Amino acid sequence: MDKLVIGLTGTTGSGKSTVAKVFEKNGCKVIDADIVAREIMIPPSECLDKLCYYFGKDIINNDGTLKRKLLAERAFSSKKNTELLNSVTHPFIVKKISEYICQTFENNCNMVVIDAPQLFESKADIMCNIIIGVIAPIDMRIERIINRDNITKEQAMQRISIQHTDKFFEENCHYIINNNSTEYDLINNTVKIISELKVV
C-alpha cells in the first residue's frame, strides 16, 4: 500500500471523534487538528500575538496563556469574526500538520488521518488522498455539543449555523458516514471503510 493521507471531517457533534478512535485502533496515525490548534497557542507564539492584535490583549491571562472561552465568544459572535479567526490560525495549523505527516511517514506508518472539523476551510484537504465526512441528525448533534462543551442550546445552534451543511460534505467527500443509528453501527461502518482503504 502506498502512503495515504486521509482527511476526516464533518459537522460538529456528529461523532467524528469516535470514528477517529476506530482508525487509531486499526493502526492508523491520527493527527487531531484541535490538539494542533492548542499547540500553536502555547506561548511564546506568533499565532497568539496575531490573535491579540485582532481580538484584544485581554484574551491573554497574566501567565501568557489564552483565555479560550473569551476568544471563542468573540470569534463566534459573527461570521466575519469567525473567518478572521480562521485566517489567522489555519496557516499555522496546516504547517504543523504537514510536519507531523512527514514525521509519521518517516517512522514507517503509511496511513495518516487528519481529524479536522475545518478541513476544507483551512485548505488542508489539498494534502489528502481520501476525504471522509461524518454527519448526523441535528437534534443528536445539539445534545452532544451541549454535553461536550458545557454550553447552552443557543450557543450550540450558533456553532452549527456557521458550519457547512450535510449536502456540502456529501458533495465534497469520497465517503460519507451517517451517524444516525447506534455507536455499534458507526464503528462497523468505519471499519468497513478502513478495510477498503487498506487494499487501495
N, C-alpha and C. Protein backbone atom coordinates (compact mmCIF):
# COMPACT_ATOMS: atom_id res chain seq x y z
N MET A 1 0.83 -1.20 0.00
CA MET A 1 0.00 0.00 0.00
C MET A 1 0.87 1.25 0.00
N ASP A 2 0.55 2.19 -0.85
CA ASP A 2 1.26 3.46 -0.88
C ASP A 2 0.88 4.30 0.34
N LYS A 3 1.66 5.33 0.56
CA LYS A 3 1.36 6.25 1.66
C LYS A 3 0.03 6.94 1.39
N LEU A 4 -0.80 7.02 2.44
CA LEU A 4 -2.15 7.54 2.28
C LEU A 4 -2.45 8.58 3.36
N VAL A 5 -2.90 9.75 2.92
CA VAL A 5 -3.34 10.79 3.86
C VAL A 5 -4.85 10.90 3.74
N ILE A 6 -5.54 10.65 4.85
CA ILE A 6 -7.00 10.65 4.88
C ILE A 6 -7.48 11.86 5.66
N GLY A 7 -8.37 12.63 5.07
CA GLY A 7 -9.00 13.74 5.77
C GLY A 7 -10.28 13.26 6.42
N LEU A 8 -10.41 13.49 7.71
CA LEU A 8 -11.62 13.12 8.44
C LEU A 8 -12.28 14.40 8.93
N THR A 9 -13.47 14.67 8.44
CA THR A 9 -14.13 15.92 8.78
C THR A 9 -15.62 15.68 8.95
N GLY A 10 -16.39 16.76 9.08
CA GLY A 10 -17.84 16.60 9.25
C GLY A 10 -18.41 17.66 10.16
N THR A 11 -19.69 17.55 10.40
CA THR A 11 -20.39 18.53 11.21
C THR A 11 -20.05 18.35 12.69
N THR A 12 -20.05 19.46 13.44
CA THR A 12 -19.74 19.39 14.87
C THR A 12 -20.82 18.58 15.60
N GLY A 13 -20.37 17.71 16.50
CA GLY A 13 -21.29 16.85 17.25
C GLY A 13 -21.77 15.64 16.49
N SER A 14 -21.11 15.31 15.38
CA SER A 14 -21.56 14.19 14.54
C SER A 14 -21.03 12.83 15.00
N GLY A 15 -20.03 12.83 15.89
CA GLY A 15 -19.44 11.56 16.31
C GLY A 15 -18.11 11.29 15.63
N LYS A 16 -17.51 12.32 15.09
CA LYS A 16 -16.24 12.20 14.36
C LYS A 16 -15.11 11.66 15.24
N SER A 17 -15.13 12.03 16.52
CA SER A 17 -14.08 11.58 17.44
C SER A 17 -14.10 10.06 17.60
N THR A 18 -15.30 9.50 17.60
CA THR A 18 -15.43 8.03 17.70
C THR A 18 -14.83 7.37 16.46
N VAL A 19 -15.10 7.95 15.30
CA VAL A 19 -14.55 7.43 14.04
C VAL A 19 -13.02 7.50 14.08
N ALA A 20 -12.49 8.59 14.59
CA ALA A 20 -11.03 8.77 14.67
C ALA A 20 -10.40 7.69 15.56
N LYS A 21 -11.07 7.36 16.67
CA LYS A 21 -10.56 6.33 17.58
C LYS A 21 -10.53 4.96 16.91
N VAL A 22 -11.52 4.69 16.05
CA VAL A 22 -11.55 3.41 15.33
C VAL A 22 -10.36 3.33 14.37
N PHE A 23 -10.07 4.43 13.69
CA PHE A 23 -8.90 4.46 12.81
C PHE A 23 -7.62 4.20 13.60
N GLU A 24 -7.51 4.82 14.76
CA GLU A 24 -6.32 4.66 15.60
C GLU A 24 -6.15 3.21 16.05
N LYS A 25 -7.26 2.59 16.46
CA LYS A 25 -7.22 1.19 16.90
C LYS A 25 -6.85 0.24 15.77
N ASN A 26 -7.04 0.69 14.53
CA ASN A 26 -6.72 -0.13 13.37
C ASN A 26 -5.36 0.23 12.76
N GLY A 27 -4.51 0.83 13.57
CA GLY A 27 -3.12 1.04 13.16
C GLY A 27 -2.82 2.31 12.39
N CYS A 28 -3.77 3.23 12.33
CA CYS A 28 -3.54 4.49 11.62
C CYS A 28 -3.07 5.56 12.60
N LYS A 29 -2.20 6.42 12.12
CA LYS A 29 -1.78 7.57 12.92
C LYS A 29 -2.80 8.68 12.74
N VAL A 30 -3.40 9.14 13.85
CA VAL A 30 -4.40 10.21 13.79
C VAL A 30 -3.78 11.52 14.28
N ILE A 31 -3.86 12.54 13.44
CA ILE A 31 -3.42 13.87 13.82
C ILE A 31 -4.67 14.70 14.11
N ASP A 32 -4.85 15.08 15.36
CA ASP A 32 -6.04 15.82 15.78
C ASP A 32 -5.78 17.32 15.60
N ALA A 33 -6.49 17.93 14.67
CA ALA A 33 -6.28 19.35 14.37
C ALA A 33 -6.61 20.24 15.57
N ASP A 34 -7.54 19.81 16.43
CA ASP A 34 -7.88 20.60 17.62
C ASP A 34 -6.70 20.63 18.60
N ILE A 35 -5.99 19.49 18.71
CA ILE A 35 -4.80 19.44 19.57
C ILE A 35 -3.70 20.31 18.98
N VAL A 36 -3.53 20.22 17.66
CA VAL A 36 -2.54 21.06 16.98
C VAL A 36 -2.85 22.54 17.20
N ALA A 37 -4.14 22.88 17.14
CA ALA A 37 -4.57 24.27 17.35
C ALA A 37 -4.19 24.76 18.75
N ARG A 38 -4.21 23.86 19.71
CA ARG A 38 -3.79 24.23 21.07
C ARG A 38 -2.27 24.37 21.15
N GLU A 39 -1.58 23.49 20.44
CA GLU A 39 -0.11 23.53 20.46
C GLU A 39 0.45 24.85 19.91
N ILE A 40 -0.19 25.35 18.85
CA ILE A 40 0.32 26.59 18.24
C ILE A 40 0.00 27.83 19.08
N MET A 41 -0.80 27.63 20.15
CA MET A 41 -1.14 28.74 21.05
C MET A 41 -0.26 28.75 22.30
N ILE A 42 0.64 27.79 22.43
CA ILE A 42 1.50 27.74 23.61
C ILE A 42 2.52 28.88 23.51
N PRO A 43 2.55 29.76 24.51
CA PRO A 43 3.47 30.90 24.42
C PRO A 43 4.94 30.47 24.60
N PRO A 44 5.87 31.19 23.97
CA PRO A 44 5.66 32.31 23.04
C PRO A 44 5.13 31.81 21.70
N SER A 45 4.19 32.55 21.12
CA SER A 45 3.50 32.08 19.93
C SER A 45 3.20 33.23 18.99
N GLU A 46 3.66 33.10 17.76
CA GLU A 46 3.36 34.11 16.75
C GLU A 46 1.86 34.17 16.48
N CYS A 47 1.23 33.01 16.50
CA CYS A 47 -0.21 32.94 16.27
C CYS A 47 -0.96 33.69 17.37
N LEU A 48 -0.55 33.49 18.61
CA LEU A 48 -1.17 34.15 19.76
C LEU A 48 -1.03 35.67 19.65
N ASP A 49 0.14 36.11 19.23
CA ASP A 49 0.39 37.55 19.06
C ASP A 49 -0.58 38.16 18.04
N LYS A 50 -0.81 37.43 16.95
CA LYS A 50 -1.73 37.93 15.92
C LYS A 50 -3.17 37.96 16.42
N LEU A 51 -3.55 36.95 17.20
CA LEU A 51 -4.91 36.91 17.75
C LEU A 51 -5.14 38.08 18.71
N CYS A 52 -4.12 38.43 19.49
CA CYS A 52 -4.21 39.58 20.39
C CYS A 52 -4.45 40.86 19.61
N TYR A 53 -3.78 40.98 18.49
CA TYR A 53 -3.90 42.17 17.66
C TYR A 53 -5.35 42.35 17.17
N TYR A 54 -5.98 41.25 16.76
CA TYR A 54 -7.32 41.33 16.18
C TYR A 54 -8.44 41.24 17.21
N PHE A 55 -8.24 40.47 18.29
CA PHE A 55 -9.34 40.23 19.23
C PHE A 55 -9.15 40.87 20.60
N GLY A 56 -8.03 41.57 20.80
CA GLY A 56 -7.80 42.28 22.06
C GLY A 56 -6.79 41.59 22.96
N LYS A 57 -5.97 42.40 23.62
CA LYS A 57 -4.92 41.85 24.50
C LYS A 57 -5.50 41.17 25.74
N ASP A 58 -6.75 41.48 26.07
CA ASP A 58 -7.35 40.89 27.26
C ASP A 58 -7.75 39.42 27.07
N ILE A 59 -7.51 38.85 25.88
CA ILE A 59 -7.76 37.41 25.69
C ILE A 59 -6.62 36.58 26.27
N ILE A 60 -5.61 37.27 26.82
CA ILE A 60 -4.45 36.58 27.39
C ILE A 60 -4.46 36.68 28.92
N ASN A 61 -4.20 35.56 29.59
CA ASN A 61 -4.08 35.54 31.05
C ASN A 61 -2.75 36.18 31.47
N ASN A 62 -2.60 36.42 32.76
CA ASN A 62 -1.36 37.02 33.27
C ASN A 62 -0.13 36.16 33.02
N ASP A 63 -0.34 34.85 32.93
CA ASP A 63 0.80 33.95 32.69
C ASP A 63 1.11 33.76 31.20
N GLY A 64 0.39 34.50 30.34
CA GLY A 64 0.66 34.45 28.90
C GLY A 64 -0.17 33.45 28.13
N THR A 65 -0.98 32.65 28.84
CA THR A 65 -1.82 31.66 28.17
C THR A 65 -3.12 32.29 27.69
N LEU A 66 -3.80 31.57 26.81
CA LEU A 66 -5.01 32.08 26.15
C LEU A 66 -6.26 31.86 26.99
N LYS A 67 -7.11 32.88 27.06
CA LYS A 67 -8.45 32.73 27.63
C LYS A 67 -9.35 32.19 26.53
N ARG A 68 -9.44 30.90 26.43
CA ARG A 68 -10.10 30.26 25.29
C ARG A 68 -11.59 30.61 25.20
N LYS A 69 -12.25 30.66 26.34
CA LYS A 69 -13.68 30.93 26.33
C LYS A 69 -13.96 32.35 25.83
N LEU A 70 -13.13 33.31 26.26
CA LEU A 70 -13.32 34.69 25.83
C LEU A 70 -13.05 34.84 24.33
N LEU A 71 -12.00 34.18 23.86
CA LEU A 71 -11.72 34.22 22.42
C LEU A 71 -12.87 33.60 21.63
N ALA A 72 -13.39 32.46 22.12
CA ALA A 72 -14.50 31.78 21.44
C ALA A 72 -15.73 32.68 21.37
N GLU A 73 -16.03 33.37 22.47
CA GLU A 73 -17.19 34.27 22.49
C GLU A 73 -17.08 35.34 21.41
N ARG A 74 -15.88 35.90 21.28
CA ARG A 74 -15.68 36.97 20.30
C ARG A 74 -15.59 36.42 18.87
N ALA A 75 -14.91 35.31 18.73
CA ALA A 75 -14.69 34.75 17.39
C ALA A 75 -15.97 34.18 16.79
N PHE A 76 -16.84 33.63 17.62
CA PHE A 76 -18.06 33.01 17.11
C PHE A 76 -19.27 33.95 17.18
N SER A 77 -19.03 35.22 17.50
CA SER A 77 -20.14 36.18 17.62
C SER A 77 -20.68 36.60 16.26
N SER A 78 -19.89 36.42 15.21
CA SER A 78 -20.34 36.76 13.85
C SER A 78 -19.54 35.94 12.84
N LYS A 79 -20.10 35.81 11.66
CA LYS A 79 -19.41 35.08 10.59
C LYS A 79 -18.09 35.76 10.24
N LYS A 80 -18.10 37.09 10.25
CA LYS A 80 -16.90 37.86 9.92
C LYS A 80 -15.78 37.57 10.92
N ASN A 81 -16.11 37.54 12.20
CA ASN A 81 -15.10 37.26 13.24
C ASN A 81 -14.59 35.83 13.17
N THR A 82 -15.50 34.90 12.83
CA THR A 82 -15.08 33.50 12.68
C THR A 82 -14.10 33.36 11.53
N GLU A 83 -14.39 34.02 10.44
CA GLU A 83 -13.50 33.99 9.28
C GLU A 83 -12.14 34.63 9.61
N LEU A 84 -12.17 35.67 10.44
CA LEU A 84 -10.94 36.33 10.86
C LEU A 84 -10.09 35.38 11.71
N LEU A 85 -10.74 34.70 12.65
CA LEU A 85 -10.05 33.70 13.48
C LEU A 85 -9.39 32.64 12.61
N ASN A 86 -10.15 32.13 11.65
CA ASN A 86 -9.63 31.08 10.77
C ASN A 86 -8.46 31.57 9.92
N SER A 87 -8.55 32.80 9.44
CA SER A 87 -7.49 33.33 8.58
C SER A 87 -6.17 33.47 9.33
N VAL A 88 -6.27 33.67 10.65
CA VAL A 88 -5.06 33.78 11.48
C VAL A 88 -4.52 32.39 11.83
N THR A 89 -5.39 31.51 12.30
CA THR A 89 -4.92 30.23 12.86
C THR A 89 -4.64 29.14 11.82
N HIS A 90 -5.40 29.10 10.74
CA HIS A 90 -5.29 27.99 9.80
C HIS A 90 -3.90 27.80 9.19
N PRO A 91 -3.22 28.86 8.75
CA PRO A 91 -1.88 28.64 8.18
C PRO A 91 -0.91 28.00 9.17
N PHE A 92 -0.98 28.38 10.44
CA PHE A 92 -0.12 27.80 11.46
C PHE A 92 -0.46 26.33 11.70
N ILE A 93 -1.76 26.04 11.73
CA ILE A 93 -2.22 24.66 11.96
C ILE A 93 -1.80 23.74 10.82
N VAL A 94 -2.02 24.20 9.58
CA VAL A 94 -1.70 23.38 8.40
C VAL A 94 -0.20 23.11 8.32
N LYS A 95 0.60 24.10 8.63
CA LYS A 95 2.06 23.93 8.60
C LYS A 95 2.49 22.86 9.60
N LYS A 96 1.94 22.91 10.82
CA LYS A 96 2.29 21.94 11.85
C LYS A 96 1.80 20.54 11.48
N ILE A 97 0.60 20.43 10.92
CA ILE A 97 0.07 19.13 10.48
C ILE A 97 0.97 18.53 9.40
N SER A 98 1.42 19.35 8.47
CA SER A 98 2.30 18.90 7.40
C SER A 98 3.60 18.32 7.97
N GLU A 99 4.12 18.95 9.01
CA GLU A 99 5.33 18.46 9.67
C GLU A 99 5.08 17.10 10.32
N TYR A 100 3.91 16.95 10.95
CA TYR A 100 3.57 15.69 11.61
C TYR A 100 3.38 14.55 10.59
N ILE A 101 2.82 14.87 9.43
CA ILE A 101 2.64 13.86 8.38
C ILE A 101 4.00 13.33 7.92
N CYS A 102 4.93 14.24 7.69
CA CYS A 102 6.28 13.85 7.26
C CYS A 102 6.95 12.97 8.31
N GLN A 103 6.81 13.33 9.59
CA GLN A 103 7.39 12.54 10.67
C GLN A 103 6.80 11.13 10.71
N THR A 104 5.49 11.06 10.51
CA THR A 104 4.79 9.77 10.56
C THR A 104 5.27 8.84 9.45
N PHE A 105 5.38 9.36 8.23
CA PHE A 105 5.84 8.55 7.11
C PHE A 105 7.30 8.11 7.30
N GLU A 106 8.10 8.96 7.91
CA GLU A 106 9.50 8.62 8.20
C GLU A 106 9.59 7.47 9.21
N ASN A 107 8.55 7.35 10.05
CA ASN A 107 8.51 6.28 11.07
C ASN A 107 7.80 5.03 10.56
N ASN A 108 7.67 4.92 9.24
CA ASN A 108 7.14 3.72 8.58
C ASN A 108 5.67 3.42 8.85
N CYS A 109 4.89 4.46 9.13
CA CYS A 109 3.43 4.30 9.18
C CYS A 109 2.88 4.91 7.90
N ASN A 110 2.17 4.11 7.12
CA ASN A 110 1.77 4.54 5.76
C ASN A 110 0.37 5.12 5.65
N MET A 111 -0.37 5.15 6.77
CA MET A 111 -1.72 5.70 6.71
C MET A 111 -1.91 6.74 7.81
N VAL A 112 -2.11 8.00 7.40
CA VAL A 112 -2.28 9.11 8.34
C VAL A 112 -3.70 9.67 8.19
N VAL A 113 -4.33 9.94 9.32
CA VAL A 113 -5.66 10.54 9.32
C VAL A 113 -5.56 11.95 9.91
N ILE A 114 -6.01 12.94 9.16
CA ILE A 114 -6.11 14.31 9.68
C ILE A 114 -7.53 14.50 10.18
N ASP A 115 -7.70 14.52 11.49
CA ASP A 115 -9.01 14.72 12.11
C ASP A 115 -9.23 16.23 12.24
N ALA A 116 -10.00 16.81 11.32
CA ALA A 116 -10.12 18.27 11.26
C ALA A 116 -11.52 18.72 10.90
N PRO A 117 -12.24 19.32 11.85
CA PRO A 117 -13.57 19.84 11.53
C PRO A 117 -13.53 20.92 10.46
N GLN A 118 -12.40 21.64 10.39
CA GLN A 118 -12.25 22.74 9.42
C GLN A 118 -11.31 22.33 8.28
N LEU A 119 -11.42 21.11 7.85
CA LEU A 119 -10.52 20.57 6.82
C LEU A 119 -10.56 21.40 5.54
N PHE A 120 -11.76 21.70 5.07
CA PHE A 120 -11.91 22.46 3.82
C PHE A 120 -11.58 23.93 4.01
N GLU A 121 -12.05 24.50 5.13
CA GLU A 121 -11.82 25.92 5.39
C GLU A 121 -10.33 26.25 5.47
N SER A 122 -9.56 25.31 6.06
CA SER A 122 -8.12 25.54 6.22
C SER A 122 -7.32 25.18 4.97
N LYS A 123 -8.03 24.57 4.00
CA LYS A 123 -7.41 24.07 2.77
C LYS A 123 -6.44 22.90 3.02
N ALA A 124 -6.61 22.26 4.17
CA ALA A 124 -5.82 21.05 4.47
C ALA A 124 -6.28 19.88 3.61
N ASP A 125 -7.47 20.01 2.99
CA ASP A 125 -7.96 18.94 2.11
C ASP A 125 -7.03 18.71 0.92
N ILE A 126 -6.25 19.75 0.58
CA ILE A 126 -5.31 19.63 -0.55
C ILE A 126 -4.26 18.55 -0.27
N MET A 127 -3.96 18.32 1.01
CA MET A 127 -2.94 17.33 1.39
C MET A 127 -3.48 15.90 1.38
N CYS A 128 -4.80 15.75 1.21
CA CYS A 128 -5.45 14.44 1.41
C CYS A 128 -5.67 13.68 0.11
N ASN A 129 -5.46 12.36 0.17
CA ASN A 129 -5.80 11.47 -0.95
C ASN A 129 -7.28 11.08 -0.92
N ILE A 130 -7.80 10.90 0.30
CA ILE A 130 -9.18 10.48 0.52
C ILE A 130 -9.79 11.37 1.60
N ILE A 131 -11.06 11.75 1.43
CA ILE A 131 -11.74 12.54 2.46
C ILE A 131 -13.01 11.84 2.90
N ILE A 132 -13.15 11.71 4.22
CA ILE A 132 -14.32 11.07 4.82
C ILE A 132 -15.10 12.12 5.61
N GLY A 133 -16.40 12.22 5.36
CA GLY A 133 -17.25 13.15 6.09
C GLY A 133 -18.20 12.42 7.02
N VAL A 134 -18.31 12.89 8.25
CA VAL A 134 -19.24 12.30 9.22
C VAL A 134 -20.37 13.29 9.48
N ILE A 135 -21.60 12.83 9.31
CA ILE A 135 -22.77 13.68 9.55
C ILE A 135 -23.73 12.97 10.50
N ALA A 136 -24.68 13.73 11.05
CA ALA A 136 -25.66 13.16 11.98
C ALA A 136 -26.87 14.07 12.06
N PRO A 137 -28.02 13.54 12.51
CA PRO A 137 -29.22 14.37 12.66
C PRO A 137 -28.96 15.53 13.63
N ILE A 138 -29.55 16.68 13.34
CA ILE A 138 -29.24 17.90 14.08
C ILE A 138 -29.60 17.82 15.56
N ASP A 139 -30.70 17.14 15.91
CA ASP A 139 -31.07 17.06 17.32
C ASP A 139 -30.05 16.27 18.14
N MET A 140 -29.49 15.21 17.53
CA MET A 140 -28.44 14.44 18.19
C MET A 140 -27.18 15.28 18.36
N ARG A 141 -26.88 16.08 17.34
CA ARG A 141 -25.69 16.92 17.38
C ARG A 141 -25.80 17.98 18.47
N ILE A 142 -26.94 18.62 18.58
CA ILE A 142 -27.14 19.66 19.59
C ILE A 142 -26.91 19.10 20.99
N GLU A 143 -27.49 17.94 21.25
CA GLU A 143 -27.36 17.30 22.57
C GLU A 143 -25.90 16.99 22.88
N ARG A 144 -25.17 16.46 21.87
CA ARG A 144 -23.76 16.12 22.08
C ARG A 144 -22.91 17.36 22.35
N ILE A 145 -23.16 18.43 21.58
CA ILE A 145 -22.37 19.66 21.72
C ILE A 145 -22.60 20.28 23.10
N ILE A 146 -23.84 20.32 23.55
CA ILE A 146 -24.17 20.88 24.87
C ILE A 146 -23.43 20.12 25.96
N ASN A 147 -23.48 18.78 25.89
CA ASN A 147 -22.83 17.95 26.92
C ASN A 147 -21.31 18.01 26.83
N ARG A 148 -20.80 18.06 25.61
CA ARG A 148 -19.34 18.04 25.39
C ARG A 148 -18.67 19.35 25.81
N ASP A 149 -19.30 20.47 25.43
CA ASP A 149 -18.66 21.78 25.62
C ASP A 149 -19.25 22.58 26.77
N ASN A 150 -20.27 22.01 27.43
CA ASN A 150 -20.91 22.68 28.56
C ASN A 150 -21.40 24.08 28.18
N ILE A 151 -22.16 24.13 27.09
CA ILE A 151 -22.70 25.41 26.61
C ILE A 151 -24.21 25.31 26.47
N THR A 152 -24.86 26.43 26.20
CA THR A 152 -26.31 26.45 26.07
C THR A 152 -26.74 25.95 24.69
N LYS A 153 -28.04 25.69 24.57
CA LYS A 153 -28.58 25.25 23.28
C LYS A 153 -28.39 26.35 22.23
N GLU A 154 -28.57 27.60 22.64
CA GLU A 154 -28.41 28.73 21.72
C GLU A 154 -26.98 28.80 21.19
N GLN A 155 -26.00 28.60 22.09
CA GLN A 155 -24.59 28.63 21.68
C GLN A 155 -24.28 27.46 20.74
N ALA A 156 -24.88 26.30 21.03
CA ALA A 156 -24.68 25.14 20.17
C ALA A 156 -25.23 25.39 18.77
N MET A 157 -26.42 25.99 18.72
CA MET A 157 -27.04 26.32 17.44
C MET A 157 -26.21 27.34 16.66
N GLN A 158 -25.61 28.26 17.38
CA GLN A 158 -24.78 29.29 16.75
C GLN A 158 -23.58 28.63 16.07
N ARG A 159 -22.97 27.68 16.74
CA ARG A 159 -21.81 26.98 16.16
C ARG A 159 -22.21 26.17 14.93
N ILE A 160 -23.36 25.54 15.02
CA ILE A 160 -23.85 24.75 13.90
C ILE A 160 -24.15 25.64 12.69
N SER A 161 -24.70 26.82 12.96
CA SER A 161 -25.14 27.71 11.87
C SER A 161 -23.99 28.22 11.00
N ILE A 162 -22.77 28.26 11.56
CA ILE A 162 -21.64 28.79 10.78
C ILE A 162 -20.86 27.69 10.08
N GLN A 163 -21.34 26.45 10.19
CA GLN A 163 -20.64 25.33 9.55
C GLN A 163 -21.28 24.96 8.22
N HIS A 164 -20.55 24.13 7.47
CA HIS A 164 -21.09 23.61 6.22
C HIS A 164 -22.28 22.70 6.49
N THR A 165 -23.14 22.56 5.51
CA THR A 165 -24.31 21.69 5.60
C THR A 165 -23.94 20.25 5.27
N ASP A 166 -24.85 19.33 5.59
CA ASP A 166 -24.65 17.92 5.23
C ASP A 166 -24.43 17.78 3.72
N LYS A 167 -25.20 18.55 2.96
CA LYS A 167 -25.11 18.48 1.49
C LYS A 167 -23.70 18.81 1.01
N PHE A 168 -23.09 19.81 1.65
CA PHE A 168 -21.72 20.19 1.26
C PHE A 168 -20.79 18.99 1.41
N PHE A 169 -20.87 18.30 2.55
CA PHE A 169 -19.99 17.15 2.79
C PHE A 169 -20.29 16.00 1.83
N GLU A 170 -21.57 15.80 1.57
CA GLU A 170 -21.96 14.74 0.63
C GLU A 170 -21.39 15.00 -0.76
N GLU A 171 -21.27 16.26 -1.13
CA GLU A 171 -20.77 16.62 -2.46
C GLU A 171 -19.25 16.69 -2.56
N ASN A 172 -18.58 16.81 -1.41
CA ASN A 172 -17.14 17.06 -1.44
C ASN A 172 -16.28 15.97 -0.78
N CYS A 173 -16.91 14.93 -0.27
CA CYS A 173 -16.16 13.84 0.37
C CYS A 173 -16.25 12.56 -0.46
N HIS A 174 -15.21 11.74 -0.37
CA HIS A 174 -15.21 10.45 -1.07
C HIS A 174 -16.12 9.44 -0.37
N TYR A 175 -16.17 9.51 0.96
CA TYR A 175 -17.02 8.63 1.77
C TYR A 175 -17.84 9.49 2.73
N ILE A 176 -19.08 9.08 2.97
CA ILE A 176 -19.92 9.71 3.98
C ILE A 176 -20.34 8.65 5.00
N ILE A 177 -20.13 8.96 6.29
CA ILE A 177 -20.63 8.11 7.37
C ILE A 177 -21.78 8.86 8.04
N ASN A 178 -22.98 8.31 7.92
CA ASN A 178 -24.15 8.95 8.52
C ASN A 178 -24.41 8.32 9.89
N ASN A 179 -24.07 9.05 10.94
CA ASN A 179 -24.20 8.54 12.30
C ASN A 179 -25.62 8.78 12.81
N ASN A 180 -26.56 8.05 12.22
CA ASN A 180 -27.98 8.23 12.56
C ASN A 180 -28.56 7.00 13.26
N SER A 181 -27.67 6.12 13.73
CA SER A 181 -28.13 4.89 14.39
C SER A 181 -27.35 4.71 15.69
N THR A 182 -26.83 3.51 15.90
CA THR A 182 -26.12 3.21 17.15
C THR A 182 -24.61 3.39 16.98
N GLU A 183 -23.90 3.45 18.10
CA GLU A 183 -22.44 3.54 18.06
C GLU A 183 -21.86 2.27 17.43
N TYR A 184 -22.52 1.14 17.66
CA TYR A 184 -22.08 -0.13 17.06
C TYR A 184 -22.07 -0.02 15.54
N ASP A 185 -23.14 0.55 14.98
CA ASP A 185 -23.21 0.72 13.52
C ASP A 185 -22.16 1.70 13.03
N LEU A 186 -21.93 2.76 13.81
CA LEU A 186 -20.92 3.76 13.45
C LEU A 186 -19.54 3.11 13.36
N ILE A 187 -19.21 2.30 14.34
CA ILE A 187 -17.91 1.61 14.36
C ILE A 187 -17.80 0.64 13.19
N ASN A 188 -18.85 -0.13 12.95
CA ASN A 188 -18.84 -1.12 11.86
C ASN A 188 -18.66 -0.44 10.49
N ASN A 189 -19.36 0.67 10.30
CA ASN A 189 -19.26 1.39 9.03
C ASN A 189 -17.85 1.94 8.83
N THR A 190 -17.24 2.37 9.92
CA THR A 190 -15.87 2.89 9.85
C THR A 190 -14.88 1.79 9.52
N VAL A 191 -15.02 0.65 10.17
CA VAL A 191 -14.13 -0.49 9.92
C VAL A 191 -14.22 -0.95 8.47
N LYS A 192 -15.42 -0.92 7.93
CA LYS A 192 -15.63 -1.30 6.52
C LYS A 192 -14.83 -0.40 5.60
N ILE A 193 -14.87 0.90 5.86
CA ILE A 193 -14.13 1.86 5.03
C ILE A 193 -12.62 1.65 5.18
N ILE A 194 -12.17 1.41 6.40
CA ILE A 194 -10.74 1.17 6.65
C ILE A 194 -10.27 -0.05 5.86
N SER A 195 -11.08 -1.09 5.86
CA SER A 195 -10.73 -2.32 5.12
C SER A 195 -10.58 -2.04 3.63
N GLU A 196 -11.48 -1.21 3.10
CA GLU A 196 -11.40 -0.84 1.68
C GLU A 196 -10.13 -0.04 1.40
N LEU A 197 -9.80 0.90 2.29
CA LEU A 197 -8.65 1.76 2.08
C LEU A 197 -7.34 1.00 2.18
N LYS A 198 -7.31 -0.03 3.02
CA LYS A 198 -6.06 -0.78 3.22
C LYS A 198 -5.69 -1.65 2.03
N VAL A 199 -6.63 -1.84 1.11
CA VAL A 199 -6.32 -2.63 -0.08
C VAL A 199 -6.14 -1.75 -1.31
N VAL A 200 -6.19 -0.43 -1.10
CA VAL A 200 -6.00 0.51 -2.22
C VAL A 200 -4.59 0.40 -2.74
